[in-house]
N, C-alpha and C. Protein backbone atom coordinates (compact mmCIF):
# COMPACT_ATOMS: atom_id res chain seq x y z
N UNK A 1 137.79 148.74 107.78
CA UNK A 1 137.01 149.39 106.74
C UNK A 1 137.29 150.89 106.79
N UNK A 2 137.67 151.45 105.67
CA UNK A 2 137.93 152.89 105.58
C UNK A 2 136.61 153.65 105.70
N UNK A 3 136.67 154.80 106.37
CA UNK A 3 135.46 155.59 106.60
C UNK A 3 135.60 156.99 106.02
N UNK A 4 134.52 157.45 105.40
CA UNK A 4 134.51 158.74 104.72
C UNK A 4 133.29 159.52 105.19
N UNK A 5 133.52 160.78 105.54
CA UNK A 5 132.44 161.66 105.95
C UNK A 5 132.39 162.84 104.98
N UNK A 6 131.26 162.99 104.30
CA UNK A 6 131.05 164.13 103.40
C UNK A 6 130.38 165.24 104.19
N UNK A 7 130.87 166.47 104.03
CA UNK A 7 130.37 167.59 104.83
C UNK A 7 130.10 168.80 103.94
N UNK A 8 128.89 169.34 104.07
CA UNK A 8 128.55 170.60 103.39
C UNK A 8 127.89 171.52 104.42
N UNK A 9 127.34 172.61 103.95
CA UNK A 9 126.77 173.61 104.87
C UNK A 9 125.58 173.06 105.66
N UNK A 10 124.56 172.57 104.96
CA UNK A 10 123.32 172.19 105.65
C UNK A 10 123.03 170.72 105.74
N UNK A 11 123.76 169.88 104.98
CA UNK A 11 123.57 168.43 104.98
C UNK A 11 122.22 168.01 104.41
N UNK A 12 121.75 168.78 103.41
CA UNK A 12 120.52 168.39 102.73
C UNK A 12 120.69 168.33 101.21
N UNK A 13 121.81 168.83 100.69
CA UNK A 13 122.03 168.83 99.23
C UNK A 13 123.30 168.07 98.87
N UNK A 14 124.45 168.75 98.91
CA UNK A 14 125.68 168.16 98.38
C UNK A 14 126.19 166.97 99.18
N UNK A 15 126.24 167.08 100.50
CA UNK A 15 126.83 165.98 101.27
C UNK A 15 125.99 164.71 101.23
N UNK A 16 124.65 164.77 101.36
CA UNK A 16 123.90 163.50 101.20
C UNK A 16 123.96 162.99 99.77
N UNK A 17 124.00 163.90 98.78
CA UNK A 17 124.13 163.46 97.40
C UNK A 17 125.43 162.66 97.25
N UNK A 18 126.52 163.20 97.78
CA UNK A 18 127.82 162.50 97.69
C UNK A 18 127.79 161.20 98.48
N UNK A 19 127.17 161.21 99.65
CA UNK A 19 127.08 160.00 100.47
C UNK A 19 126.45 158.85 99.67
N UNK A 20 125.32 159.11 99.05
CA UNK A 20 124.61 158.04 98.35
C UNK A 20 125.26 157.70 97.01
N UNK A 21 125.84 158.67 96.34
CA UNK A 21 126.59 158.37 95.12
C UNK A 21 127.78 157.49 95.44
N UNK A 22 128.53 157.85 96.49
CA UNK A 22 129.71 157.07 96.83
C UNK A 22 129.34 155.66 97.28
N UNK A 23 128.30 155.53 98.07
CA UNK A 23 127.83 154.20 98.47
C UNK A 23 127.48 153.36 97.24
N UNK A 24 126.80 153.98 96.29
CA UNK A 24 126.42 153.30 95.06
C UNK A 24 127.65 152.86 94.27
N UNK A 25 128.57 153.78 94.03
CA UNK A 25 129.76 153.48 93.24
C UNK A 25 130.65 152.42 93.89
N UNK A 26 130.72 152.44 95.21
CA UNK A 26 131.63 151.53 95.93
C UNK A 26 130.94 150.24 96.37
N UNK A 27 129.68 150.07 96.03
CA UNK A 27 128.91 148.91 96.48
C UNK A 27 128.97 148.75 97.99
N UNK A 28 128.89 149.87 98.69
CA UNK A 28 128.89 149.91 100.15
C UNK A 28 130.13 149.27 100.77
N UNK A 29 131.25 149.39 100.10
CA UNK A 29 132.50 148.81 100.59
C UNK A 29 133.12 149.64 101.71
N UNK A 30 132.70 150.89 101.85
CA UNK A 30 133.25 151.82 102.83
C UNK A 30 132.15 152.28 103.78
N UNK A 31 132.55 152.69 104.97
CA UNK A 31 131.61 153.35 105.86
C UNK A 31 131.51 154.79 105.36
N UNK A 32 130.32 155.21 104.96
CA UNK A 32 130.12 156.53 104.38
C UNK A 32 128.91 157.19 105.04
N UNK A 33 129.11 158.41 105.51
CA UNK A 33 128.03 159.20 106.09
C UNK A 33 128.20 160.65 105.66
N UNK A 34 127.28 161.51 106.08
CA UNK A 34 127.38 162.93 105.75
C UNK A 34 126.90 163.76 106.93
N UNK A 35 127.41 165.01 106.97
CA UNK A 35 127.10 165.94 108.04
C UNK A 35 127.08 167.37 107.51
N UNK A 36 126.67 168.30 108.39
CA UNK A 36 126.64 169.73 108.10
C UNK A 36 127.68 170.45 108.95
N UNK A 37 128.03 171.66 108.52
CA UNK A 37 128.84 172.53 109.38
C UNK A 37 127.93 173.49 110.14
N UNK A 38 126.69 173.66 109.70
CA UNK A 38 125.76 174.59 110.34
C UNK A 38 124.66 173.84 111.08
N UNK A 39 123.86 174.59 111.79
CA UNK A 39 122.72 174.02 112.51
C UNK A 39 121.39 174.28 111.78
N UNK A 40 121.43 174.95 110.64
CA UNK A 40 120.23 175.45 109.98
C UNK A 40 119.22 174.39 109.56
N UNK A 41 119.67 173.24 109.12
CA UNK A 41 118.76 172.24 108.56
C UNK A 41 118.66 170.97 109.42
N UNK A 42 119.15 171.01 110.63
CA UNK A 42 119.20 169.82 111.49
C UNK A 42 117.85 169.13 111.54
N UNK A 43 117.87 167.82 111.28
CA UNK A 43 116.66 167.00 111.31
C UNK A 43 115.94 166.90 109.98
N UNK A 44 116.28 167.78 109.04
CA UNK A 44 115.58 167.77 107.75
C UNK A 44 116.08 166.65 106.85
N UNK A 45 115.21 166.21 105.97
CA UNK A 45 115.52 165.17 104.99
C UNK A 45 116.28 165.80 103.82
N UNK A 46 116.68 164.97 102.88
CA UNK A 46 117.32 165.44 101.66
C UNK A 46 116.36 166.41 100.96
N UNK A 47 116.91 167.48 100.44
CA UNK A 47 116.12 168.48 99.73
C UNK A 47 115.43 167.82 98.53
N UNK A 48 114.12 168.02 98.33
CA UNK A 48 113.40 167.31 97.26
C UNK A 48 114.02 167.37 95.87
N UNK A 49 114.55 168.52 95.40
CA UNK A 49 115.18 168.50 94.07
C UNK A 49 116.42 167.59 94.00
N UNK A 50 117.09 167.38 95.13
CA UNK A 50 118.23 166.44 95.16
C UNK A 50 117.70 165.02 95.02
N UNK A 51 116.62 164.70 95.71
CA UNK A 51 116.02 163.37 95.55
C UNK A 51 115.62 163.13 94.09
N UNK A 52 115.08 164.17 93.47
CA UNK A 52 114.65 164.05 92.08
C UNK A 52 115.82 163.71 91.17
N UNK A 53 116.97 164.36 91.35
CA UNK A 53 118.13 164.08 90.50
C UNK A 53 118.72 162.70 90.84
N UNK A 54 118.71 162.31 92.10
CA UNK A 54 119.18 160.96 92.45
C UNK A 54 118.28 159.91 91.79
N UNK A 55 116.98 160.15 91.83
CA UNK A 55 116.04 159.24 91.15
C UNK A 55 116.30 159.18 89.65
N UNK A 56 116.56 160.34 89.07
CA UNK A 56 116.81 160.43 87.62
C UNK A 56 117.98 159.54 87.21
N UNK A 57 119.00 159.43 88.07
CA UNK A 57 120.19 158.63 87.76
C UNK A 57 120.19 157.27 88.47
N UNK A 58 119.03 156.89 89.02
CA UNK A 58 118.86 155.59 89.68
C UNK A 58 119.86 155.35 90.81
N UNK A 59 120.14 156.39 91.58
CA UNK A 59 121.00 156.27 92.76
C UNK A 59 120.09 156.04 93.97
N UNK A 60 120.17 154.89 94.61
CA UNK A 60 119.31 154.63 95.77
C UNK A 60 119.70 155.48 96.98
N UNK A 61 118.72 155.83 97.78
CA UNK A 61 118.95 156.58 99.01
C UNK A 61 117.89 156.18 100.02
N UNK A 62 118.15 156.52 101.27
CA UNK A 62 117.22 156.23 102.35
C UNK A 62 116.82 157.55 103.02
N UNK A 63 115.87 157.48 103.93
CA UNK A 63 115.47 158.67 104.70
C UNK A 63 116.71 159.22 105.38
N UNK A 64 116.87 160.51 105.32
CA UNK A 64 118.06 161.18 105.83
C UNK A 64 117.64 162.22 106.86
N UNK A 65 118.44 162.37 107.91
CA UNK A 65 118.23 163.39 108.92
C UNK A 65 119.50 164.23 109.01
N UNK A 66 119.41 165.48 108.58
CA UNK A 66 120.58 166.34 108.61
C UNK A 66 121.11 166.45 110.03
N UNK A 67 122.43 166.29 110.16
CA UNK A 67 123.09 166.41 111.46
C UNK A 67 124.37 167.21 111.29
N UNK A 68 124.80 167.81 112.38
CA UNK A 68 126.01 168.63 112.37
C UNK A 68 127.21 167.78 112.78
N UNK A 69 128.34 168.04 112.16
CA UNK A 69 129.57 167.32 112.50
C UNK A 69 129.98 167.66 113.93
N UNK A 70 130.48 166.64 114.63
CA UNK A 70 130.96 166.81 116.00
C UNK A 70 132.43 166.39 116.08
N UNK A 71 133.04 166.65 117.21
CA UNK A 71 134.42 166.21 117.42
C UNK A 71 134.50 164.68 117.37
N UNK A 72 133.49 164.00 117.90
CA UNK A 72 133.46 162.54 117.82
C UNK A 72 133.46 162.07 116.36
N UNK A 73 132.67 162.74 115.51
CA UNK A 73 132.68 162.42 114.07
C UNK A 73 134.06 162.64 113.49
N UNK A 74 134.63 163.80 113.80
CA UNK A 74 135.94 164.14 113.27
C UNK A 74 136.97 163.06 113.61
N UNK A 75 136.91 162.58 114.83
CA UNK A 75 137.87 161.56 115.28
C UNK A 75 137.55 160.17 114.75
N UNK A 76 136.30 159.92 114.38
CA UNK A 76 135.88 158.58 113.98
C UNK A 76 136.11 158.27 112.50
N UNK A 77 136.25 159.30 111.66
CA UNK A 77 136.34 159.08 110.22
C UNK A 77 137.77 159.26 109.72
N UNK A 78 138.15 158.41 108.77
CA UNK A 78 139.50 158.47 108.19
C UNK A 78 139.68 159.68 107.29
N UNK A 79 138.62 160.06 106.61
CA UNK A 79 138.69 161.13 105.62
C UNK A 79 137.42 161.97 105.71
N UNK A 80 137.60 163.28 105.72
CA UNK A 80 136.47 164.21 105.73
C UNK A 80 136.55 165.02 104.45
N UNK A 81 135.48 164.95 103.66
CA UNK A 81 135.48 165.55 102.33
C UNK A 81 134.41 166.64 102.27
N UNK A 82 134.83 167.82 101.82
CA UNK A 82 133.88 168.93 101.68
C UNK A 82 133.86 169.39 100.22
N UNK A 83 133.09 170.43 99.93
CA UNK A 83 132.78 170.78 98.55
C UNK A 83 133.24 172.16 98.10
N UNK A 84 133.53 173.03 99.05
CA UNK A 84 133.98 174.36 98.65
C UNK A 84 134.85 174.97 99.74
N UNK A 85 135.42 176.10 99.42
CA UNK A 85 136.34 176.77 100.34
C UNK A 85 135.65 177.18 101.63
N UNK A 86 134.37 177.57 101.55
CA UNK A 86 133.63 177.94 102.76
C UNK A 86 133.49 176.74 103.70
N UNK A 87 133.15 175.57 103.13
CA UNK A 87 133.06 174.35 103.95
C UNK A 87 134.41 174.08 104.61
N UNK A 88 135.47 174.16 103.81
CA UNK A 88 136.82 173.88 104.33
C UNK A 88 137.17 174.84 105.45
N UNK A 89 136.91 176.13 105.26
CA UNK A 89 137.23 177.12 106.30
C UNK A 89 136.40 176.91 107.56
N UNK A 90 135.13 176.54 107.41
CA UNK A 90 134.30 176.24 108.59
C UNK A 90 134.87 175.05 109.36
N UNK A 91 135.27 174.01 108.65
CA UNK A 91 135.86 172.84 109.31
C UNK A 91 137.19 173.19 109.98
N UNK A 92 137.96 174.05 109.33
CA UNK A 92 139.24 174.48 109.89
C UNK A 92 139.03 175.25 111.21
N UNK A 93 137.96 176.05 111.27
CA UNK A 93 137.65 176.78 112.51
C UNK A 93 137.16 175.83 113.60
N UNK A 94 136.48 174.76 113.19
CA UNK A 94 135.93 173.82 114.18
C UNK A 94 136.97 172.87 114.74
N UNK A 95 137.95 172.49 113.89
CA UNK A 95 138.94 171.48 114.27
C UNK A 95 140.32 172.00 113.93
N UNK A 96 141.23 171.92 114.86
CA UNK A 96 142.56 172.49 114.63
C UNK A 96 143.39 171.65 113.66
N UNK A 97 143.17 170.37 113.61
CA UNK A 97 143.94 169.48 112.73
C UNK A 97 143.15 169.26 111.44
N UNK A 98 143.72 169.65 110.32
CA UNK A 98 143.00 169.53 109.05
C UNK A 98 143.65 168.50 108.13
N UNK A 99 144.50 167.64 108.65
CA UNK A 99 145.19 166.65 107.81
C UNK A 99 144.24 165.73 107.06
N UNK A 100 143.11 165.41 107.67
CA UNK A 100 142.17 164.46 107.05
C UNK A 100 141.04 165.14 106.30
N UNK A 101 141.10 166.47 106.17
CA UNK A 101 140.05 167.21 105.48
C UNK A 101 140.54 167.58 104.09
N UNK A 102 139.69 167.34 103.09
CA UNK A 102 140.02 167.74 101.72
C UNK A 102 138.75 168.09 100.96
N UNK A 103 138.93 168.84 99.89
CA UNK A 103 137.81 169.14 99.00
C UNK A 103 137.67 167.99 98.01
N UNK A 104 136.44 167.73 97.59
CA UNK A 104 136.19 166.62 96.67
C UNK A 104 136.89 166.84 95.33
N UNK A 105 136.85 168.07 94.84
CA UNK A 105 137.52 168.41 93.58
C UNK A 105 138.45 169.60 93.82
N UNK A 106 139.28 169.90 92.86
CA UNK A 106 140.20 171.03 92.98
C UNK A 106 139.48 172.37 92.95
N UNK A 107 138.26 172.37 92.48
CA UNK A 107 137.48 173.61 92.41
C UNK A 107 136.23 173.46 93.28
N UNK A 108 135.60 174.58 93.58
CA UNK A 108 134.39 174.57 94.40
C UNK A 108 133.22 174.00 93.61
N UNK A 109 132.43 173.18 94.28
CA UNK A 109 131.17 172.69 93.73
C UNK A 109 130.08 173.57 94.32
N UNK A 110 129.42 174.34 93.47
CA UNK A 110 128.41 175.29 93.93
C UNK A 110 127.27 174.58 94.65
N UNK A 111 126.76 175.23 95.67
CA UNK A 111 125.63 174.72 96.42
C UNK A 111 124.37 174.87 95.56
N UNK A 112 123.72 173.77 95.19
CA UNK A 112 122.54 173.87 94.32
C UNK A 112 121.34 174.52 95.00
N UNK A 113 121.37 174.62 96.32
CA UNK A 113 120.32 175.35 97.03
C UNK A 113 120.24 176.77 96.47
N UNK A 114 121.42 177.35 96.18
CA UNK A 114 121.48 178.72 95.67
C UNK A 114 121.55 178.77 94.14
N UNK A 115 122.34 177.89 93.54
CA UNK A 115 122.54 177.94 92.09
C UNK A 115 121.37 177.35 91.32
N UNK A 116 120.63 176.44 91.94
CA UNK A 116 119.52 175.70 91.32
C UNK A 116 120.01 174.76 90.22
N UNK A 117 121.31 174.53 90.15
CA UNK A 117 121.92 173.67 89.13
C UNK A 117 122.11 172.25 89.68
N UNK A 118 121.03 171.55 89.93
CA UNK A 118 121.09 170.24 90.58
C UNK A 118 121.75 169.18 89.70
N UNK A 119 121.49 169.21 88.41
CA UNK A 119 122.14 168.24 87.52
C UNK A 119 123.63 168.49 87.40
N UNK A 120 124.02 169.75 87.27
CA UNK A 120 125.45 170.06 87.21
C UNK A 120 126.14 169.64 88.51
N UNK A 121 125.51 169.92 89.63
CA UNK A 121 126.06 169.52 90.93
C UNK A 121 126.20 168.00 90.99
N UNK A 122 125.18 167.28 90.56
CA UNK A 122 125.24 165.82 90.53
C UNK A 122 126.43 165.35 89.70
N UNK A 123 126.58 165.89 88.50
CA UNK A 123 127.67 165.47 87.62
C UNK A 123 129.04 165.74 88.22
N UNK A 124 129.21 166.88 88.86
CA UNK A 124 130.50 167.20 89.49
C UNK A 124 130.77 166.28 90.68
N UNK A 125 129.76 166.05 91.50
CA UNK A 125 129.94 165.17 92.65
C UNK A 125 130.17 163.73 92.20
N UNK A 126 129.45 163.29 91.19
CA UNK A 126 129.65 161.94 90.67
C UNK A 126 131.09 161.78 90.20
N UNK A 127 131.60 162.74 89.44
CA UNK A 127 132.97 162.67 88.95
C UNK A 127 133.96 162.69 90.12
N UNK A 128 133.74 163.54 91.09
CA UNK A 128 134.61 163.59 92.26
C UNK A 128 134.60 162.29 93.05
N UNK A 129 133.43 161.71 93.23
CA UNK A 129 133.32 160.43 93.94
C UNK A 129 134.01 159.31 93.16
N UNK A 130 133.86 159.33 91.85
CA UNK A 130 134.52 158.32 91.02
C UNK A 130 136.04 158.42 91.17
N UNK A 131 136.55 159.63 91.12
CA UNK A 131 138.00 159.84 91.28
C UNK A 131 138.47 159.44 92.69
N UNK A 132 137.69 159.80 93.69
CA UNK A 132 138.05 159.45 95.07
C UNK A 132 138.08 157.94 95.23
N UNK A 133 137.09 157.25 94.69
CA UNK A 133 137.06 155.79 94.78
C UNK A 133 138.27 155.17 94.08
N UNK A 134 138.60 155.66 92.89
CA UNK A 134 139.78 155.16 92.19
C UNK A 134 141.04 155.35 93.02
N UNK A 135 141.17 156.51 93.64
CA UNK A 135 142.34 156.77 94.49
C UNK A 135 142.39 155.83 95.69
N UNK A 136 141.27 155.65 96.35
CA UNK A 136 141.23 154.77 97.52
C UNK A 136 141.50 153.33 97.14
N UNK A 137 140.98 152.90 95.99
CA UNK A 137 141.20 151.53 95.54
C UNK A 137 142.66 151.30 95.17
N UNK A 138 143.36 152.37 94.80
CA UNK A 138 144.76 152.26 94.43
C UNK A 138 145.73 152.31 95.60
N UNK A 139 145.22 152.63 96.79
CA UNK A 139 146.10 152.72 97.99
C UNK A 139 146.40 151.36 98.54
């Protein structure tokens, strides 16, 4: 089973959103989890406005505990997907090998914690997850 790890700064907005969107789109065909690059939100659940947008689009989710990516995570997942250049650079500093790290889209997906654009973020992540699933299904 192919495994995918979504990674953002705090693991309370974009990465859990992508985790649950991808699980939904793929009918749980892949091992999918999410992590943070920082320690700021460790233990916290999904940010409430993210839950609201997931509910709005009928994407199921479970209780989430923000966790930071570790070397064991890095070695355990086939693909590590991040959302912006800052995420990518943080992962590059943490791990010397970046062959399995990629951005979800060709452009940065703004952190809705700062932008407050939760629906736009959802739409971009949904599109990125759809494209990623199509690519994986074609391999």
